[in-house]
Every structure is written in C-alpha cells, then in structure tokens.
Amino acid sequence: MSVGNFELVSPYVIITGGSSGIGLAMVKIFHDQGAIVDVLDLQKPTAEKLQALKLDDETVQFHELDITNSSSVKEIISLISIKRGIGILINNAGIAHIGNVLNTSEEDFQKIFQVNVKGAFNCMQAVIPFMEEMGQGLIINMASIAATIGIRDRFAYSMSKGAILSMTLSVAKDFIKKGIRCNCISPARVHTPFVDGFLDKHYPGKQQEMFEKLSASQPIGRMAEPEEVAQLAYYLCSKQASFITGTDVPIDGGFTRLNN
C-alpha cells in the first residue's frame, strides 16, 4: 500500500477500536510505514488474522480493555508512555445504532454515549498531559457525516458524532499553543464488517440487492473502503499536514455536497 512520501509527525501511534474495519486498516497502514502501534480494543484479532496481515511482530501491541473505563485507560496510557512514548492518538472506536428519538431506548442512548463520546473523552484526557510535556502531539477523532447533516433513523449515533466534532474543535483551540493539533474525519458509508452483519441480520436473502442500494446512495456510486479512510488518517498524521488543526475532513463520495 503506497502512501507517497509522507512522514509521520511521530512514530508512536495509539489507535482505539483497531481490531476490525477502519481501525484495523489504520493499524495495517501505520505498521507497514514503520510506526510503532498500540491498539486499544475489547478483543484482539485472531492469531491467524494477524499473521495473514503480517501484524504479528513486536511493533504492534494489542491491549484488551474497555475504553469507557477511565481508570483502565489512564493506566494503559501511562504504561505506553513509559515504554514507548505517545505522539499520535486516533480515536476510532465506536458503535452504531439505528432508531429515531421515539424508538431509541434510554439504555441504547447511554451505550452509544459511553462508547462513542466518553470513550474518546477518556483517551484524550489520558494522553494530552503526556503530549503537553513533550510540547507536541496529534489527535485524530473519527466523526461522521452524521455529525453535520440529517440521516434518517440515526438519532443517537448522530448525537455521538456531533459531540465528537465539538470535542475536536474544543481540544484544537484549547491546546494549539501547547503544540497539540486535533482534527476529525467524517466518512459516509464505508464497507466494513458492520455493514455485512447489518445486511445479514435485516435483509436475509437480499444482501446483495440492499448492498447495491446503499452503495448507490453515495453520488460516487459506491461505499468507501476502510483502506481509503486509513490513508486519509495517515496523511493527517504526517508532517506534510502540519498546518491542519481544528478541521473536520469529509471522505464521503460527494454525499454531503452533491446528494440533492
């Protein structure tokens, strides 16, 4: 996978939710370009999958933990800072939910908030003091086009991604004089295992038909691949993107501007 001549601002990268989908694609691209990657997720990929992706060496370390637990996050971040250092944080972990304000249960609303919002908060709160000590750091948060446009039946999910966008802007402004930059990425639909699982569950026997329908909802005519989002993240973590902070970067196949 080629990413041009971009040079990372730091070789030390922390990625949350890096065991599958977009997160795993990020782990792969950063690892292949020589970064030392720590992954925070509930469960690590199988040994067979890591071997197939050539991620079974000492430069990638998977830590199984719940990012909604602030004490666990602070403990592992402290250990990483001692062992390797902290330069880049990518808050990618997140869960989806389908429903409007009336049929979203309080339990589902709270779960979305805990993982998507509080999880990112915990990680940023844990890493920023170490970044301040170093006088530099970079944070990338995974938002969504749902943060800025209305999407049917995505009430709680949109709430959480709107919070991610707002937190990104706040951190960027509060710590710009400390040498810390903070941006977010807003994808439209991405072909991840979640999409396949959703289609299997809700459209048995019609998976391909619905996949094509969802793909066609993007003006460009297809979903993004996880690797495309990963390459954008890699660029934003490079020295060549050092003038970018407090920015929400869409990768949406024209969905936001061209879907009239």
C-alpha atoms as a PDB file:
ATOM      1  CA  MET A   1       0.000   0.000   0.000  1.00  0.00           C
ATOM      2  CA  SER A   2       1.556   3.262  -1.101  1.00  0.00           C
ATOM      3  CA  VAL A   3       1.005   6.491   0.808  1.00  0.00           C
ATOM      4  CA  GLY A   4       3.520   8.644  -1.021  1.00  0.00           C
ATOM      5  CA  ASN A   5       6.391  10.404   0.675  1.00  0.00           C
ATOM      6  CA  PHE A   6       4.516  11.437   3.807  1.00  0.00           C
ATOM      7  CA  GLU A   7       6.466  11.378   7.068  1.00  0.00           C
ATOM      8  CA  LEU A   8       4.631  10.834  10.350  1.00  0.00           C
ATOM      9  CA  VAL A   9       4.887  13.529  12.993  1.00  0.00           C
ATOM     10  CA  SER A  10       5.704  10.744  15.464  1.00  0.00           C
ATOM     11  CA  PRO A  11       6.441   7.016  15.148  1.00  0.00           C
ATOM     12  CA  TYR A  12       4.317   6.281  18.238  1.00  0.00           C
ATOM     13  CA  VAL A  13       0.651   5.737  17.437  1.00  0.00           C
ATOM     14  CA  ILE A  14      -2.322   4.708  19.599  1.00  0.00           C
ATOM     15  CA  ILE A  15      -5.444   3.506  17.774  1.00  0.00           C
ATOM     16  CA  THR A  16      -8.684   2.642  19.526  1.00  0.00           C
ATOM     17  CA  GLY A  17     -11.066   0.123  18.004  1.00  0.00           C
ATOM     18  CA  GLY A  18      -8.238  -1.252  15.890  1.00  0.00           C
ATOM     19  CA  SER A  19      -9.257  -4.898  15.752  1.00  0.00           C
ATOM     20  CA  SER A  20     -11.559  -4.691  12.749  1.00  0.00           C
ATOM     21  CA  GLY A  21     -12.890  -2.489   9.963  1.00  0.00           C
ATOM     22  CA  ILE A  22     -11.464   1.003   9.567  1.00  0.00           C
ATOM     23  CA  GLY A  23      -9.376   0.670  12.724  1.00  0.00           C
ATOM     24  CA  LEU A  24      -7.629  -2.479  11.549  1.00  0.00           C
ATOM     25  CA  ALA A  25      -6.950  -0.866   8.167  1.00  0.00           C
ATOM     26  CA  MET A  26      -5.307   2.003  10.051  1.00  0.00           C
ATOM     27  CA  VAL A  27      -3.199  -0.376  12.123  1.00  0.00           C
ATOM     28  CA  LYS A  28      -2.050  -2.063   8.909  1.00  0.00           C
ATOM     29  CA  ILE A  29      -1.051   1.111   7.062  1.00  0.00           C
ATOM     30  CA  PHE A  30       0.733   2.699  10.028  1.00  0.00           C
ATOM     31  CA  HIS A  31       2.554  -0.561  10.776  1.00  0.00           C
ATOM     32  CA  ASP A  32       3.595  -1.003   7.144  1.00  0.00           C
ATOM     33  CA  GLN A  33       5.049   2.504   7.128  1.00  0.00           C
ATOM     34  CA  GLY A  34       7.219   1.775  10.153  1.00  0.00           C
ATOM     35  CA  ALA A  35       5.158   3.136  13.038  1.00  0.00           C
ATOM     36  CA  ILE A  36       5.014   1.532  16.471  1.00  0.00           C
ATOM     37  CA  VAL A  37       1.320   0.951  17.115  1.00  0.00           C
ATOM     38  CA  ASP A  38      -0.597   0.312  20.327  1.00  0.00           C
ATOM     39  CA  VAL A  39      -4.181  -0.812  19.821  1.00  0.00           C
ATOM     40  CA  LEU A  40      -6.907  -0.420  22.448  1.00  0.00           C
ATOM     41  CA  ASP A  41      -9.928  -2.652  21.877  1.00  0.00           C
ATOM     42  CA  LEU A  42     -12.201  -5.061  23.713  1.00  0.00           C
ATOM     43  CA  GLN A  43     -10.729  -8.035  21.895  1.00  0.00           C
ATOM     44  CA  LYS A  44      -7.707  -8.561  19.679  1.00  0.00           C
ATOM     45  CA  PRO A  45      -7.947 -10.218  16.245  1.00  0.00           C
ATOM     46  CA  THR A  46      -7.217 -13.912  15.939  1.00  0.00           C
ATOM     47  CA  ALA A  47      -3.617 -15.017  15.600  1.00  0.00           C
ATOM     48  CA  GLU A  48      -4.418 -16.274  12.092  1.00  0.00           C
ATOM     49  CA  LYS A  49      -5.739 -12.871  11.033  1.00  0.00           C
ATOM     50  CA  LEU A  50      -2.739 -11.051  12.482  1.00  0.00           C
ATOM     51  CA  GLN A  51      -0.408 -13.436  10.696  1.00  0.00           C
ATOM     52  CA  ALA A  52      -2.263 -13.012   7.407  1.00  0.00           C
ATOM     53  CA  LEU A  53      -1.988  -9.227   7.695  1.00  0.00           C
ATOM     54  CA  LYS A  54       1.655  -9.512   8.832  1.00  0.00           C
ATOM     55  CA  LEU A  55       0.839  -7.712  12.090  1.00  0.00           C
ATOM     56  CA  ASP A  56       2.299 -10.389  14.343  1.00  0.00           C
ATOM     57  CA  ASP A  57       5.536  -8.643  15.272  1.00  0.00           C
ATOM     58  CA  GLU A  58       6.649  -6.569  18.251  1.00  0.00           C
ATOM     59  CA  THR A  59       5.847  -3.220  16.652  1.00  0.00           C
ATOM     60  CA  VAL A  60       2.098  -3.809  17.096  1.00  0.00           C
ATOM     61  CA  GLN A  61       0.722  -4.362  20.587  1.00  0.00           C
ATOM     62  CA  PHE A  62      -2.957  -5.111  21.231  1.00  0.00           C
ATOM     63  CA  HIS A  63      -4.334  -4.165  24.657  1.00  0.00           C
ATOM     64  CA  GLU A  64      -7.697  -5.673  25.537  1.00  0.00           C
ATOM     65  CA  LEU A  65      -9.624  -3.118  27.569  1.00  0.00           C
ATOM     66  CA  ASP A  66     -12.855  -1.142  27.721  1.00  0.00           C
ATOM     67  CA  ILE A  67     -12.252   2.490  26.754  1.00  0.00           C
ATOM     68  CA  THR A  68     -15.345   3.555  28.725  1.00  0.00           C
ATOM     69  CA  ASN A  69     -13.413   2.694  31.904  1.00  0.00           C
ATOM     70  CA  SER A  70     -11.363   5.822  32.605  1.00  0.00           C
ATOM     71  CA  SER A  71      -9.060   4.207  35.187  1.00  0.00           C
ATOM     72  CA  SER A  72      -8.162   1.374  32.787  1.00  0.00           C
ATOM     73  CA  VAL A  73      -7.464   3.854  30.010  1.00  0.00           C
ATOM     74  CA  LYS A  74      -5.255   6.044  32.200  1.00  0.00           C
ATOM     75  CA  GLU A  75      -3.346   3.008  33.438  1.00  0.00           C
ATOM     76  CA  ILE A  76      -2.540   1.664  29.970  1.00  0.00           C
ATOM     77  CA  ILE A  77      -1.729   5.120  28.575  1.00  0.00           C
ATOM     78  CA  SER A  78       0.723   5.653  31.428  1.00  0.00           C
ATOM     79  CA  LEU A  79       2.383   2.295  30.694  1.00  0.00           C
ATOM     80  CA  ILE A  80       2.615   3.105  26.991  1.00  0.00           C
ATOM     81  CA  SER A  81       4.171   6.484  27.730  1.00  0.00           C
ATOM     82  CA  ILE A  82       6.872   4.828  29.813  1.00  0.00           C
ATOM     83  CA  LYS A  83       7.549   2.012  27.368  1.00  0.00           C
ATOM     84  CA  ARG A  84       7.310   3.776  24.022  1.00  0.00           C
ATOM     85  CA  GLY A  85       6.144   7.354  24.207  1.00  0.00           C
ATOM     86  CA  ILE A  86       2.978   8.997  22.930  1.00  0.00           C
ATOM     87  CA  GLY A  87       2.823  11.061  19.764  1.00  0.00           C
ATOM     88  CA  ILE A  88      -0.422  10.293  17.939  1.00  0.00           C
ATOM     89  CA  LEU A  89      -3.863   9.245  19.192  1.00  0.00           C
ATOM     90  CA  ILE A  90      -6.570   8.075  16.800  1.00  0.00           C
ATOM     91  CA  ASN A  91      -9.969   7.758  18.470  1.00  0.00           C
ATOM     92  CA  ASN A  92     -11.583   5.306  16.087  1.00  0.00           C
ATOM     93  CA  ALA A  93     -13.577   3.031  18.430  1.00  0.00           C
ATOM     94  CA  GLY A  94     -17.307   3.386  18.070  1.00  0.00           C
ATOM     95  CA  ILE A  95     -20.603   1.581  17.738  1.00  0.00           C
ATOM     96  CA  ALA A  96     -23.644   2.259  15.585  1.00  0.00           C
ATOM     97  CA  HIS A  97     -27.345   2.385  16.342  1.00  0.00           C
ATOM     98  CA  ILE A  98     -30.467   2.559  14.223  1.00  0.00           C
ATOM     99  CA  GLY A  99     -33.513   4.436  15.510  1.00  0.00           C
ATOM    100  CA  ASN A 100     -35.192   7.811  15.881  1.00  0.00           C
ATOM    101  CA  VAL A 101     -35.790   9.773  19.077  1.00  0.00           C
ATOM    102  CA  LEU A 102     -39.000   7.856  19.849  1.00  0.00           C
ATOM    103  CA  ASN A 103     -37.798   4.284  19.430  1.00  0.00           C
ATOM    104  CA  THR A 104     -34.309   4.753  20.882  1.00  0.00           C
ATOM    105  CA  SER A 105     -34.261   3.289  24.387  1.00  0.00           C
ATOM    106  CA  GLU A 106     -32.546   5.034  27.249  1.00  0.00           C
ATOM    107  CA  GLU A 107     -30.188   2.058  27.542  1.00  0.00           C
ATOM    108  CA  ASP A 108     -29.170   2.266  23.872  1.00  0.00           C
ATOM    109  CA  PHE A 109     -28.734   6.037  24.078  1.00  0.00           C
ATOM    110  CA  GLN A 110     -26.483   5.660  27.111  1.00  0.00           C
ATOM    111  CA  LYS A 111     -24.472   2.861  25.500  1.00  0.00           C
ATOM    112  CA  ILE A 112     -23.800   4.942  22.373  1.00  0.00           C
ATOM    113  CA  PHE A 113     -22.749   7.874  24.543  1.00  0.00           C
ATOM    114  CA  GLN A 114     -20.476   5.763  26.725  1.00  0.00           C
ATOM    115  CA  VAL A 115     -18.550   4.194  23.849  1.00  0.00           C
ATOM    116  CA  ASN A 116     -18.539   6.900  21.187  1.00  0.00           C
ATOM    117  CA  VAL A 117     -18.290  10.007  23.363  1.00  0.00           C
ATOM    118  CA  LYS A 118     -16.992   9.077  26.795  1.00  0.00           C
ATOM    119  CA  GLY A 119     -14.506   6.602  25.318  1.00  0.00           C
ATOM    120  CA  ALA A 120     -12.944   9.330  23.172  1.00  0.00           C
ATOM    121  CA  PHE A 121     -13.018  11.736  26.130  1.00  0.00           C
ATOM    122  CA  ASN A 122     -11.228   9.218  28.354  1.00  0.00           C
ATOM    123  CA  CYS A 123      -8.472   8.675  25.814  1.00  0.00           C
ATOM    124  CA  MET A 124      -7.913  12.363  25.099  1.00  0.00           C
ATOM    125  CA  GLN A 125      -7.883  13.216  28.781  1.00  0.00           C
ATOM    126  CA  ALA A 126      -5.302  10.489  29.357  1.00  0.00           C
ATOM    127  CA  VAL A 127      -2.895  11.340  26.525  1.00  0.00           C
ATOM    128  CA  ILE A 128      -2.922  15.139  26.483  1.00  0.00           C
ATOM    129  CA  PRO A 129      -0.862  15.596  29.678  1.00  0.00           C
ATOM    130  CA  PHE A 130       1.926  13.498  28.116  1.00  0.00           C
ATOM    131  CA  MET A 131       1.665  15.456  24.881  1.00  0.00           C
ATOM    132  CA  GLU A 132       1.878  18.695  26.842  1.00  0.00           C
ATOM    133  CA  GLU A 133       5.095  17.509  28.468  1.00  0.00           C
ATOM    134  CA  MET A 134       6.563  16.801  25.045  1.00  0.00           C
ATOM    135  CA  GLY A 135       5.350  20.103  23.624  1.00  0.00           C
ATOM    136  CA  GLN A 136       3.655  18.382  20.705  1.00  0.00           C
ATOM    137  CA  GLY A 137       1.019  15.821  19.809  1.00  0.00           C
ATOM    138  CA  LEU A 138      -1.663  14.954  17.312  1.00  0.00           C
ATOM    139  CA  ILE A 139      -5.191  13.646  17.838  1.00  0.00           C
ATOM    140  CA  ILE A 140      -7.497  12.341  15.129  1.00  0.00           C
ATOM    141  CA  ASN A 141     -11.129  11.651  16.056  1.00  0.00           C
ATOM    142  CA  MET A 142     -13.473   9.611  13.892  1.00  0.00           C
ATOM    143  CA  ALA A 143     -16.661  11.607  13.393  1.00  0.00           C
ATOM    144  CA  SER A 144     -19.169  11.053  10.574  1.00  0.00           C
ATOM    145  CA  ILE A 145     -21.204  12.960   8.037  1.00  0.00           C
ATOM    146  CA  ALA A 146     -23.995  12.291  10.545  1.00  0.00           C
ATOM    147  CA  ALA A 147     -22.412  14.998  12.723  1.00  0.00           C
ATOM    148  CA  THR A 148     -23.374  17.739  10.286  1.00  0.00           C
ATOM    149  CA  ILE A 149     -26.297  16.503   8.171  1.00  0.00           C
ATOM    150  CA  GLY A 150     -29.548  14.753   8.992  1.00  0.00           C
ATOM    151  CA  ILE A 151     -29.617  10.998   8.408  1.00  0.00           C
ATOM    152  CA  ARG A 152     -32.840   9.089   8.844  1.00  0.00           C
ATOM    153  CA  ASP A 153     -33.026   6.773  11.881  1.00  0.00           C
ATOM    154  CA  ARG A 154     -29.601   7.650  13.261  1.00  0.00           C
ATOM    155  CA  PHE A 155     -30.651   9.804  16.223  1.00  0.00           C
ATOM    156  CA  ALA A 156     -28.287   8.507  18.932  1.00  0.00           C
ATOM    157  CA  TYR A 157     -25.430   7.838  16.539  1.00  0.00           C
ATOM    158  CA  SER A 158     -25.696  11.370  15.109  1.00  0.00           C
ATOM    159  CA  MET A 159     -25.727  12.775  18.644  1.00  0.00           C
ATOM    160  CA  SER A 160     -22.491  10.991  19.442  1.00  0.00           C
ATOM    161  CA  LYS A 161     -20.721  12.077  16.270  1.00  0.00           C
ATOM    162  CA  GLY A 162     -21.863  15.659  16.743  1.00  0.00           C
ATOM    163  CA  ALA A 163     -20.220  15.506  20.160  1.00  0.00           C
ATOM    164  CA  ILE A 164     -17.011  14.166  18.573  1.00  0.00           C
ATOM    165  CA  LEU A 165     -16.936  17.135  16.184  1.00  0.00           C
ATOM    166  CA  SER A 166     -17.498  19.622  19.012  1.00  0.00           C
ATOM    167  CA  MET A 167     -14.849  18.000  21.229  1.00  0.00           C
ATOM    168  CA  THR A 168     -12.396  18.109  18.327  1.00  0.00           C
ATOM    169  CA  LEU A 169     -12.868  21.856  17.924  1.00  0.00           C
ATOM    170  CA  SER A 170     -12.566  22.470  21.673  1.00  0.00           C
ATOM    171  CA  VAL A 171      -9.350  20.460  22.054  1.00  0.00           C
ATOM    172  CA  ALA A 172      -7.846  22.072  18.959  1.00  0.00           C
ATOM    173  CA  LYS A 173      -8.493  25.562  20.342  1.00  0.00           C
ATOM    174  CA  ASP A 174      -7.537  24.836  23.958  1.00  0.00           C
ATOM    175  CA  PHE A 175      -4.189  23.219  23.173  1.00  0.00           C
ATOM    176  CA  ILE A 176      -2.973  24.864  19.983  1.00  0.00           C
ATOM    177  CA  LYS A 177      -0.401  26.881  21.960  1.00  0.00           C
ATOM    178  CA  LYS A 178       0.847  23.647  23.525  1.00  0.00           C
ATOM    179  CA  GLY A 179       1.838  22.224  20.147  1.00  0.00           C
ATOM    180  CA  ILE A 180      -1.106  19.809  20.060  1.00  0.00           C
ATOM    181  CA  ARG A 181      -3.265  19.554  16.953  1.00  0.00           C
ATOM    182  CA  CYS A 182      -6.686  17.910  16.778  1.00  0.00           C
ATOM    183  CA  ASN A 183      -8.765  17.071  13.704  1.00  0.00           C
ATOM    184  CA  CYS A 184     -11.612  14.724  12.853  1.00  0.00           C
ATOM    185  CA  ILE A 185     -12.562  12.635   9.850  1.00  0.00           C
ATOM    186  CA  SER A 186     -16.170  12.313   8.674  1.00  0.00           C
ATOM    187  CA  PRO A 187     -16.818   9.333   6.416  1.00  0.00           C
ATOM    188  CA  ALA A 188     -20.055   8.485   4.669  1.00  0.00           C
ATOM    189  CA  ARG A 189     -20.833   4.777   4.288  1.00  0.00           C
ATOM    190  CA  VAL A 190     -17.784   2.523   4.488  1.00  0.00           C
ATOM    191  CA  HIS A 191     -17.837  -1.174   3.584  1.00  0.00           C
ATOM    192  CA  THR A 192     -16.937  -2.712   6.947  1.00  0.00           C
ATOM    193  CA  PRO A 193     -17.920  -5.963   8.695  1.00  0.00           C
ATOM    194  CA  PHE A 194     -20.670  -3.964  10.432  1.00  0.00           C
ATOM    195  CA  VAL A 195     -22.369  -3.322   7.086  1.00  0.00           C
ATOM    196  CA  ASP A 196     -22.225  -7.002   6.142  1.00  0.00           C
ATOM    197  CA  GLY A 197     -23.581  -8.020   9.547  1.00  0.00           C
ATOM    198  CA  PHE A 198     -26.385  -5.450   9.307  1.00  0.00           C
ATOM    199  CA  LEU A 199     -27.439  -6.767   5.902  1.00  0.00           C
ATOM    200  CA  ASP A 200     -27.286 -10.394   7.036  1.00  0.00           C
ATOM    201  CA  LYS A 201     -29.493  -9.620  10.030  1.00  0.00           C
ATOM    202  CA  HIS A 202     -32.091  -7.361   8.452  1.00  0.00           C
ATOM    203  CA  TYR A 203     -32.148  -8.461   4.801  1.00  0.00           C
ATOM    204  CA  PRO A 204     -31.550 -12.234   4.634  1.00  0.00           C
ATOM    205  CA  GLY A 205     -31.545 -13.382   1.042  1.00  0.00           C
ATOM    206  CA  LYS A 206     -31.441  -9.806  -0.232  1.00  0.00           C
ATOM    207  CA  GLN A 207     -27.978  -8.816   0.967  1.00  0.00           C
ATOM    208  CA  GLN A 208     -26.539  -8.036  -2.462  1.00  0.00           C
ATOM    209  CA  GLU A 209     -29.606  -6.068  -3.557  1.00  0.00           C
ATOM    210  CA  MET A 210     -29.518  -3.903  -0.428  1.00  0.00           C
ATOM    211  CA  PHE A 211     -25.753  -3.514  -0.591  1.00  0.00           C
ATOM    212  CA  GLU A 212     -26.071  -2.083  -4.085  1.00  0.00           C
ATOM    213  CA  LYS A 213     -28.884   0.213  -2.951  1.00  0.00           C
ATOM    214  CA  LEU A 214     -26.816   1.550  -0.043  1.00  0.00           C
ATOM    215  CA  SER A 215     -23.801   1.955  -2.308  1.00  0.00           C
ATOM    216  CA  ALA A 216     -25.842   3.931  -4.836  1.00  0.00           C
ATOM    217  CA  SER A 217     -26.896   6.424  -2.144  1.00  0.00           C
ATOM    218  CA  GLN A 218     -23.426   7.938  -2.446  1.00  0.00           C
ATOM    219  CA  PRO A 219     -23.193  10.160  -5.544  1.00  0.00           C
ATOM    220  CA  ILE A 220     -19.914   8.480  -6.479  1.00  0.00           C
ATOM    221  CA  GLY A 221     -21.817   5.189  -6.709  1.00  0.00           C
ATOM    222  CA  ARG A 222     -20.081   3.040  -4.103  1.00  0.00           C
ATOM    223  CA  MET A 223     -19.106   2.828  -0.454  1.00  0.00           C
ATOM    224  CA  ALA A 224     -15.637   3.766   0.711  1.00  0.00           C
ATOM    225  CA  GLU A 225     -13.154   1.030   1.515  1.00  0.00           C
ATOM    226  CA  PRO A 226     -11.592   1.038   5.020  1.00  0.00           C
ATOM    227  CA  GLU A 227      -8.154   1.455   3.444  1.00  0.00           C
ATOM    228  CA  GLU A 228      -9.218   4.756   1.860  1.00  0.00           C
ATOM    229  CA  VAL A 229     -10.168   6.191   5.244  1.00  0.00           C
ATOM    230  CA  ALA A 230      -6.934   4.810   6.705  1.00  0.00           C
ATOM    231  CA  GLN A 231      -4.859   6.557   4.049  1.00  0.00           C
ATOM    232  CA  LEU A 232      -6.560   9.870   4.829  1.00  0.00           C
ATOM    233  CA  ALA A 233      -5.803   9.360   8.521  1.00  0.00           C
ATOM    234  CA  TYR A 234      -2.187   8.617   7.680  1.00  0.00           C
ATOM    235  CA  TYR A 235      -1.875  11.852   5.701  1.00  0.00           C
ATOM    236  CA  LEU A 236      -3.419  13.890   8.520  1.00  0.00           C
ATOM    237  CA  CYS A 237      -0.822  12.375  10.864  1.00  0.00           C
ATOM    238  CA  SER A 238       2.050  13.385   8.606  1.00  0.00           C
ATOM    239  CA  LYS A 239       4.366  16.365   8.786  1.00  0.00           C
ATOM    240  CA  GLN A 240       3.005  17.405   5.405  1.00  0.00           C
ATOM    241  CA  ALA A 241      -0.368  18.094   7.101  1.00  0.00           C
ATOM    242  CA  SER A 242       1.147  20.149   9.922  1.00  0.00           C
ATOM    243  CA  PHE A 243      -0.885  23.266   9.054  1.00  0.00           C
ATOM    244  CA  ILE A 244      -4.201  21.465   9.617  1.00  0.00           C
ATOM    245  CA  THR A 245      -5.925  21.691  13.002  1.00  0.00           C
ATOM    246  CA  GLY A 246      -9.488  22.169  14.220  1.00  0.00           C
ATOM    247  CA  THR A 247     -10.729  20.728  10.927  1.00  0.00           C
ATOM    248  CA  ASP A 248     -13.425  18.212  10.062  1.00  0.00           C
ATOM    249  CA  VAL A 249     -12.309  16.370   6.930  1.00  0.00           C
ATOM    250  CA  PRO A 250     -15.105  14.624   4.985  1.00  0.00           C
ATOM    251  CA  ILE A 251     -14.490  11.483   2.935  1.00  0.00           C
ATOM    252  CA  ASP A 252     -17.953  10.867   1.594  1.00  0.00           C
ATOM    253  CA  GLY A 253     -18.055  10.236  -2.146  1.00  0.00           C
ATOM    254  CA  GLY A 254     -19.905  13.533  -2.618  1.00  0.00           C
ATOM    255  CA  PHE A 255     -22.674  12.670  -0.146  1.00  0.00           C
ATOM    256  CA  THR A 256     -22.598  15.930   1.803  1.00  0.00           C
ATOM    257  CA  ARG A 257     -22.464  18.390  -1.077  1.00  0.00           C
ATOM    258  CA  LEU A 258     -23.787  16.546  -4.108  1.00  0.00           C
ATOM    259  CA  ASN A 259     -26.679  14.439  -2.779  1.00  0.00           C
ATOM    260  CA  ASN A 260     -29.511  16.733  -3.906  1.00  0.00           C
END
